[in-house]
């Protein structure tokens, strides 16, 4: 069974730290931009939480997970196993 490619958790953490440590401090406290940044932070936290639930479900079903750091991989490794076997 092919591993399910998922983003590495560090991707979420990097974005959250940037938004929380830098973006929030660059806008006025009660501005529309601040509200949007807060909303973006909440959305990223929900996405990470949802990914963790997916990982748990995969673990229970015996589906392997492969954390990806980028899309820069050889095209052969991105093709489904059945396509690679046909080559």
C-alpha atoms as a PDB file:
ATOM      1  CA  UNK A   1       0.000   0.000   0.000  1.00  0.00           C
ATOM      2  CA  UNK A   2       1.356   3.398  -1.007  1.00  0.00           C
ATOM      3  CA  UNK A   3       1.868   5.934   1.804  1.00  0.00           C
ATOM      4  CA  UNK A   4      -0.538   8.852   1.937  1.00  0.00           C
ATOM      5  CA  UNK A   5       1.468  12.053   1.259  1.00  0.00           C
ATOM      6  CA  UNK A   6       0.705  14.775   3.805  1.00  0.00           C
ATOM      7  CA  UNK A   7       2.370  18.082   4.666  1.00  0.00           C
ATOM      8  CA  UNK A   8       4.887  17.945   7.477  1.00  0.00           C
ATOM      9  CA  UNK A   9       3.571  19.505  10.696  1.00  0.00           C
ATOM     10  CA  UNK A  10       6.416  22.006  10.594  1.00  0.00           C
ATOM     11  CA  UNK A  11       4.713  23.743   7.669  1.00  0.00           C
ATOM     12  CA  UNK A  12       1.755  24.634   9.881  1.00  0.00           C
ATOM     13  CA  UNK A  13       4.005  25.614  12.780  1.00  0.00           C
ATOM     14  CA  UNK A  14       6.105  27.925  10.631  1.00  0.00           C
ATOM     15  CA  UNK A  15       3.039  29.748   9.298  1.00  0.00           C
ATOM     16  CA  UNK A  16       1.487  30.023  12.754  1.00  0.00           C
ATOM     17  CA  UNK A  17       4.661  31.429  14.279  1.00  0.00           C
ATOM     18  CA  UNK A  18       5.030  33.971  11.492  1.00  0.00           C
ATOM     19  CA  UNK A  19       1.442  35.130  11.862  1.00  0.00           C
ATOM     20  CA  UNK A  20       1.464  35.167  15.670  1.00  0.00           C
ATOM     21  CA  UNK A  21       4.900  36.702  16.208  1.00  0.00           C
ATOM     22  CA  UNK A  22       5.152  39.136  13.331  1.00  0.00           C
ATOM     23  CA  UNK A  23       1.944  39.731  11.385  1.00  0.00           C
ATOM     24  CA  UNK A  24      -0.218  40.429  14.425  1.00  0.00           C
ATOM     25  CA  UNK A  25       2.198  43.055  15.687  1.00  0.00           C
ATOM     26  CA  UNK A  26       2.285  44.835  12.338  1.00  0.00           C
ATOM     27  CA  UNK A  27      -1.380  45.847  12.355  1.00  0.00           C
ATOM     28  CA  UNK A  28      -3.571  47.924  14.646  1.00  0.00           C
ATOM     29  CA  UNK A  29      -5.200  45.989  17.465  1.00  0.00           C
ATOM     30  CA  UNK A  30      -8.831  46.618  16.442  1.00  0.00           C
ATOM     31  CA  UNK A  31      -8.422  46.699  12.670  1.00  0.00           C
ATOM     32  CA  UNK A  32     -10.011  44.591   9.949  1.00  0.00           C
ATOM     33  CA  UNK A  33      -6.554  43.248   9.088  1.00  0.00           C
ATOM     34  CA  UNK A  34      -6.109  42.050  12.680  1.00  0.00           C
ATOM     35  CA  UNK A  35      -9.454  40.255  12.525  1.00  0.00           C
ATOM     36  CA  UNK A  36      -8.448  38.575   9.271  1.00  0.00           C
ATOM     37  CA  UNK A  37      -5.086  37.481  10.677  1.00  0.00           C
ATOM     38  CA  UNK A  38      -6.847  36.055  13.758  1.00  0.00           C
ATOM     39  CA  UNK A  39      -9.222  34.180  11.462  1.00  0.00           C
ATOM     40  CA  UNK A  40      -6.308  32.839   9.421  1.00  0.00           C
ATOM     41  CA  UNK A  41      -4.586  31.615  12.587  1.00  0.00           C
ATOM     42  CA  UNK A  42      -7.744  29.810  13.680  1.00  0.00           C
ATOM     43  CA  UNK A  43      -8.108  28.232  10.232  1.00  0.00           C
ATOM     44  CA  UNK A  44      -4.518  26.962  10.282  1.00  0.00           C
ATOM     45  CA  UNK A  45      -4.988  25.517  13.774  1.00  0.00           C
ATOM     46  CA  UNK A  46      -8.149  23.744  12.593  1.00  0.00           C
ATOM     47  CA  UNK A  47      -6.341  22.412   9.507  1.00  0.00           C
ATOM     48  CA  UNK A  48      -3.520  20.978  11.628  1.00  0.00           C
ATOM     49  CA  UNK A  49      -6.034  19.428  14.007  1.00  0.00           C
ATOM     50  CA  UNK A  50      -7.981  17.930  11.124  1.00  0.00           C
ATOM     51  CA  UNK A  51      -4.780  16.509   9.611  1.00  0.00           C
ATOM     52  CA  UNK A  52      -3.910  14.900  12.951  1.00  0.00           C
ATOM     53  CA  UNK A  53      -7.360  13.260  13.040  1.00  0.00           C
ATOM     54  CA  UNK A  54      -6.765  11.956   9.503  1.00  0.00           C
ATOM     55  CA  UNK A  55      -3.393  10.573  10.573  1.00  0.00           C
ATOM     56  CA  UNK A  56      -5.020   8.768  13.512  1.00  0.00           C
ATOM     57  CA  UNK A  57      -7.672   7.291  11.218  1.00  0.00           C
ATOM     58  CA  UNK A  58      -4.953   6.118   8.821  1.00  0.00           C
ATOM     59  CA  UNK A  59      -3.006   4.574  11.671  1.00  0.00           C
ATOM     60  CA  UNK A  60      -6.077   2.623  12.819  1.00  0.00           C
ATOM     61  CA  UNK A  61      -6.618   1.326   9.267  1.00  0.00           C
ATOM     62  CA  UNK A  62      -2.947   0.520   8.705  1.00  0.00           C
ATOM     63  CA  UNK A  63      -2.529   3.152   6.005  1.00  0.00           C
ATOM     64  CA  UNK A  64       1.030   4.497   6.037  1.00  0.00           C
ATOM     65  CA  UNK A  65       1.572   8.262   6.030  1.00  0.00           C
ATOM     66  CA  UNK A  66       4.513   9.994   4.386  1.00  0.00           C
ATOM     67  CA  UNK A  67       5.274  13.555   5.445  1.00  0.00           C
ATOM     68  CA  UNK A  68       6.293  15.782   2.570  1.00  0.00           C
ATOM     69  CA  UNK A  69       8.512  18.826   2.828  1.00  0.00           C
ATOM     70  CA  UNK A  70       7.992  20.056  -0.717  1.00  0.00           C
ATOM     71  CA  UNK A  71       6.593  19.210  -4.124  1.00  0.00           C
ATOM     72  CA  UNK A  72      10.109  19.045  -5.580  1.00  0.00           C
ATOM     73  CA  UNK A  73      10.316  15.308  -6.122  1.00  0.00           C
ATOM     74  CA  UNK A  74      10.932  13.208  -9.212  1.00  0.00           C
ATOM     75  CA  UNK A  75       7.701  12.698 -11.141  1.00  0.00           C
ATOM     76  CA  UNK A  76       8.119   8.898 -10.859  1.00  0.00           C
ATOM     77  CA  UNK A  77       7.680   9.078  -7.096  1.00  0.00           C
ATOM     78  CA  UNK A  78       4.480  11.098  -7.506  1.00  0.00           C
ATOM     79  CA  UNK A  79       2.859   8.631  -9.925  1.00  0.00           C
ATOM     80  CA  UNK A  80       0.656   5.870  -8.453  1.00  0.00           C
ATOM     81  CA  UNK A  81       2.426   2.532  -7.952  1.00  0.00           C
ATOM     82  CA  UNK A  82       0.351   0.866 -10.708  1.00  0.00           C
ATOM     83  CA  UNK A  83       1.634   3.465 -13.209  1.00  0.00           C
ATOM     84  CA  UNK A  84       5.252   2.886 -12.150  1.00  0.00           C
ATOM     85  CA  UNK A  85       4.902  -0.885 -12.424  1.00  0.00           C
ATOM     86  CA  UNK A  86       3.581  -0.533 -15.987  1.00  0.00           C
ATOM     87  CA  UNK A  87       6.770   1.314 -17.057  1.00  0.00           C
END
